Amino acid sequence: MATLLRIDSSISGEASFSRRLTAAFAHSWAEAGGEVVTRDLHAEQIPHLPHPGLHFPHREGVPEDSPGRALQDELIEEALAADAFVIGAPLYNYSVPSTLRAWTDYLHVPGRTAGTPASAGPLAGRPVVLLSTRGAAYDQPGQEELLDHAVPALRALLGSALGMDVEAITVDRTLAEVIPALDRERASALFADALDRASARGRELAASLL
């Protein structure tokens, strides 16, 4: 049975657009016969990295009984046990939520989870689907490059550094309910399309791995 690790980071609970997308993806995955493991980074927040030694495989200077060491082992083992990942990554102040950034800080360890020039890391090739929601409209050329530091950062970390196979489904105008200028009807259509795409991708990816 293939295992999906679902990561949520939105602070908005049931009102969250990114959570609705990850839920749709995970539901399709489960319907196809896969197992889903969920980590809610808002409900169970992990602390920021407490020691610089945790950035490196030998963890020099980090006490054996350090909570940070044990938590890092837990997070890495959970990731290594997953066959695929789906990550809810809402755009907060032009970047990822700090809880999601903390998770990536524990996960990225050169020589342990990230590869070296001589060999690929253990997560290389594993599929990860980013489901990113953005409150505003990003219709003009160059806006994404200037104002979205969520998906590009995750592509660099998970794709370039860890060698994972990264794809993204991004939906804009999620603040249309509170900002009428964003056009509620258009926003609703965009989200419905993203929801369909997330569901379909969850089903397809599960089928390819089961």
Protein backbone atom coordinates (compact mmCIF):
# COMPACT_ATOMS: atom_id res chain seq x y z
CA MET A 1 0.00 0.00 0.00
CA ALA A 2 1.37 3.41 -0.96
CA THR A 3 1.49 6.07 1.74
CA LEU A 4 0.72 9.74 1.22
CA LEU A 5 2.03 12.31 3.69
CA ARG A 6 -0.41 15.21 3.81
CA ILE A 7 1.03 18.43 5.22
CA ASP A 8 -1.28 21.31 6.17
CA SER A 9 -0.09 24.71 7.36
CA SER A 10 -3.03 27.10 7.05
CA ILE A 11 -4.26 28.88 10.18
CA SER A 12 -7.81 29.19 8.83
CA GLY A 13 -9.27 25.85 9.88
CA GLU A 14 -12.32 24.69 7.92
CA ALA A 15 -12.40 28.01 6.05
CA SER A 16 -8.98 27.32 4.55
CA PHE A 17 -8.81 26.99 0.79
CA SER A 18 -5.51 25.10 0.88
CA ARG A 19 -6.93 22.60 3.37
CA ARG A 20 -9.90 21.98 1.11
CA LEU A 21 -7.50 21.24 -1.72
CA THR A 22 -5.32 18.87 0.31
CA ALA A 23 -8.48 17.16 1.64
CA ALA A 24 -9.74 16.59 -1.91
CA PHE A 25 -6.37 15.23 -2.99
CA ALA A 26 -6.11 12.93 0.04
CA HIS A 27 -9.71 11.73 -0.37
CA SER A 28 -9.02 10.67 -3.97
CA TRP A 29 -5.79 9.01 -2.87
CA ALA A 30 -7.61 7.03 -0.17
CA GLU A 31 -10.44 6.07 -2.54
CA ALA A 32 -7.81 4.62 -4.87
CA GLY A 33 -6.63 2.39 -2.02
CA GLY A 34 -3.71 4.36 -0.60
CA GLU A 35 -2.96 5.21 3.02
CA VAL A 36 -2.93 8.82 4.21
CA VAL A 37 -0.83 10.17 7.08
CA THR A 38 -1.61 13.76 8.05
CA ARG A 39 0.60 16.28 9.82
CA ASP A 40 -1.15 19.53 10.73
CA LEU A 41 1.59 22.07 11.33
CA HIS A 42 -0.84 24.61 12.76
CA ALA A 43 -2.66 22.29 15.18
CA GLU A 44 0.63 20.74 16.35
CA GLN A 45 3.23 23.42 15.79
CA ILE A 46 6.87 22.45 15.79
CA PRO A 47 9.44 24.85 17.24
CA HIS A 48 12.01 26.62 15.14
CA LEU A 49 15.31 24.81 14.86
CA PRO A 50 16.90 25.20 18.33
CA HIS A 51 20.52 24.38 17.46
CA PRO A 52 22.67 25.03 14.34
CA GLY A 53 24.04 21.50 14.57
CA LEU A 54 20.68 20.15 13.44
CA HIS A 55 21.43 21.48 9.97
CA PHE A 56 24.13 18.81 9.54
CA PRO A 57 24.09 14.99 9.59
CA HIS A 58 26.54 14.55 12.48
CA ARG A 59 24.64 17.12 14.62
CA GLU A 60 27.82 18.21 16.37
CA GLY A 61 27.17 19.93 19.69
CA VAL A 62 23.55 18.79 19.89
CA PRO A 63 22.99 16.87 23.16
CA GLU A 64 21.82 13.28 22.74
CA ASP A 65 18.76 14.01 24.88
CA SER A 66 17.88 17.20 23.00
CA PRO A 67 14.17 17.45 22.12
CA GLY A 68 15.20 18.97 18.81
CA ARG A 69 17.19 15.84 17.92
CA ALA A 70 14.28 13.53 18.72
CA LEU A 71 11.79 15.71 16.82
CA GLN A 72 14.05 15.88 13.78
CA ASP A 73 14.35 12.10 13.75
CA GLU A 74 10.57 11.79 13.97
CA LEU A 75 9.94 14.21 11.11
CA ILE A 76 12.59 12.68 8.86
CA GLU A 77 11.44 9.11 9.53
CA GLU A 78 7.86 10.14 8.77
CA ALA A 79 8.97 11.68 5.47
CA LEU A 80 11.11 8.71 4.50
CA ALA A 81 8.16 6.38 5.10
CA ALA A 82 5.98 8.27 2.61
CA ASP A 83 5.74 7.33 -1.05
CA ALA A 84 4.34 10.74 -2.01
CA PHE A 85 3.58 14.11 -0.46
CA VAL A 86 0.85 16.70 -0.77
CA ILE A 87 1.56 20.06 0.85
CA GLY A 88 -0.94 22.83 1.50
CA ALA A 89 1.08 26.01 1.09
CA PRO A 90 -0.98 29.20 1.38
CA LEU A 91 0.84 32.40 0.50
CA TYR A 92 1.27 34.43 3.69
CA ASN A 93 2.95 37.81 3.29
CA TYR A 94 4.48 36.65 0.00
CA SER A 95 6.01 33.50 1.48
CA VAL A 96 5.14 30.23 3.21
CA PRO A 97 3.68 30.07 6.73
CA SER A 98 6.43 30.01 9.35
CA THR A 99 5.23 26.59 10.54
CA LEU A 100 5.86 25.12 7.09
CA ARG A 101 9.26 26.77 6.94
CA ALA A 102 10.14 25.21 10.30
CA TRP A 103 9.18 21.77 8.99
CA THR A 104 11.46 22.17 5.97
CA ASP A 105 14.31 23.32 8.22
CA TYR A 106 14.15 20.05 10.17
CA LEU A 107 13.78 17.99 7.02
CA HIS A 108 16.61 19.42 4.93
CA VAL A 109 19.91 17.91 6.11
CA PRO A 110 22.75 17.75 3.56
CA GLY A 111 24.23 14.27 3.56
CA ARG A 112 21.20 12.78 5.30
CA THR A 113 18.05 13.71 3.40
CA ALA A 114 19.67 15.85 0.71
CA GLY A 115 22.08 14.24 -1.72
CA THR A 116 25.72 14.97 -2.36
CA PRO A 117 27.58 15.47 -5.64
CA ALA A 118 28.42 11.75 -5.48
CA SER A 119 24.97 10.32 -4.75
CA ALA A 120 21.27 11.14 -4.65
CA GLY A 121 19.47 11.56 -1.34
CA PRO A 122 16.87 9.08 -0.06
CA LEU A 123 13.95 11.30 -1.07
CA ALA A 124 15.13 11.76 -4.66
CA GLY A 125 12.40 11.14 -7.20
CA ARG A 126 9.53 11.00 -4.75
CA PRO A 127 6.52 12.98 -5.95
CA VAL A 128 5.37 16.04 -4.05
CA VAL A 129 2.34 18.11 -5.05
CA LEU A 130 2.20 21.69 -3.79
CA LEU A 131 -1.31 23.10 -3.41
CA SER A 132 -0.82 26.82 -3.06
CA THR A 133 -3.50 29.44 -2.51
CA ARG A 134 -3.02 33.17 -2.99
CA GLY A 135 -5.45 35.82 -1.83
CA ALA A 136 -4.80 38.40 -4.53
CA ALA A 137 -4.84 38.33 -8.33
CA TYR A 138 -1.60 37.54 -10.14
CA ASP A 139 -2.65 38.42 -13.67
CA GLN A 140 0.16 40.74 -14.74
CA PRO A 141 3.47 39.50 -16.19
CA GLY A 142 6.22 39.37 -13.58
CA GLN A 143 3.92 39.45 -10.54
CA GLU A 144 4.66 35.86 -9.56
CA GLU A 145 8.40 36.39 -9.75
CA LEU A 146 8.22 39.48 -7.57
CA LEU A 147 5.49 38.55 -5.09
CA ASP A 148 5.31 34.77 -4.75
CA HIS A 149 8.14 33.41 -2.60
CA ALA A 150 6.26 30.27 -1.56
CA VAL A 151 6.15 27.89 -4.52
CA PRO A 152 9.58 28.90 -5.92
CA ALA A 153 11.20 28.45 -2.50
CA LEU A 154 9.61 25.03 -2.04
CA ARG A 155 10.63 23.99 -5.54
CA ALA A 156 14.22 24.97 -4.75
CA LEU A 157 14.30 23.19 -1.41
CA LEU A 158 12.31 20.05 -2.16
CA GLY A 159 13.20 19.76 -5.83
CA SER A 160 16.70 21.11 -6.29
CA ALA A 161 18.08 20.27 -2.84
CA LEU A 162 16.23 17.05 -1.97
CA GLY A 163 15.77 15.85 -5.52
CA MET A 164 12.03 15.32 -5.24
CA ASP A 165 9.68 15.46 -8.22
CA VAL A 166 7.78 18.69 -7.53
CA GLU A 167 4.60 19.92 -9.19
CA ALA A 168 2.25 22.69 -8.16
CA ILE A 169 -1.40 23.60 -8.45
CA THR A 170 -1.87 27.27 -7.63
CA VAL A 171 -5.12 29.18 -7.30
CA ASP A 172 -5.54 32.96 -6.94
CA ARG A 173 -8.23 35.37 -5.68
CA THR A 174 -9.10 33.47 -2.51
CA LEU A 175 -9.82 36.79 -0.77
CA ALA A 176 -12.63 37.59 -3.18
CA GLU A 177 -15.24 37.18 -0.45
CA VAL A 178 -13.76 40.13 1.43
CA ILE A 179 -12.36 42.08 -1.54
CA PRO A 180 -15.16 42.39 -4.13
CA ALA A 181 -12.78 43.83 -6.73
CA LEU A 182 -11.28 40.37 -7.08
CA ASP A 183 -14.54 39.17 -8.69
CA ARG A 184 -16.26 36.48 -6.63
CA GLU A 185 -17.67 34.66 -9.64
CA ARG A 186 -14.29 34.36 -11.30
CA ALA A 187 -12.65 33.39 -8.01
CA SER A 188 -15.24 30.67 -7.45
CA ALA A 189 -14.64 29.24 -10.92
CA LEU A 190 -10.88 29.26 -10.43
CA PHE A 191 -11.14 27.44 -7.12
CA ALA A 192 -13.60 24.87 -8.48
CA ASP A 193 -11.11 24.12 -11.26
CA ALA A 194 -8.24 23.78 -8.76
CA LEU A 195 -10.37 21.46 -6.63
CA ASP A 196 -11.07 19.24 -9.64
CA ARG A 197 -7.40 19.21 -10.57
CA ALA A 198 -6.33 18.30 -7.02
CA SER A 199 -8.85 15.46 -6.87
CA ALA A 200 -7.81 14.13 -10.26
CA ARG A 201 -4.10 14.34 -9.46
CA GLY A 202 -4.56 12.51 -6.17
CA ARG A 203 -6.34 9.69 -7.97
CA GLU A 204 -3.80 9.53 -10.80
CA LEU A 205 -0.78 9.59 -8.54
CA ALA A 206 -2.16 6.91 -6.24
CA ALA A 207 -2.95 4.70 -9.21
CA SER A 208 0.61 5.07 -10.50
CA LEU A 209 2.12 3.98 -7.18
CA LEU A 210 -0.25 1.27 -6.00
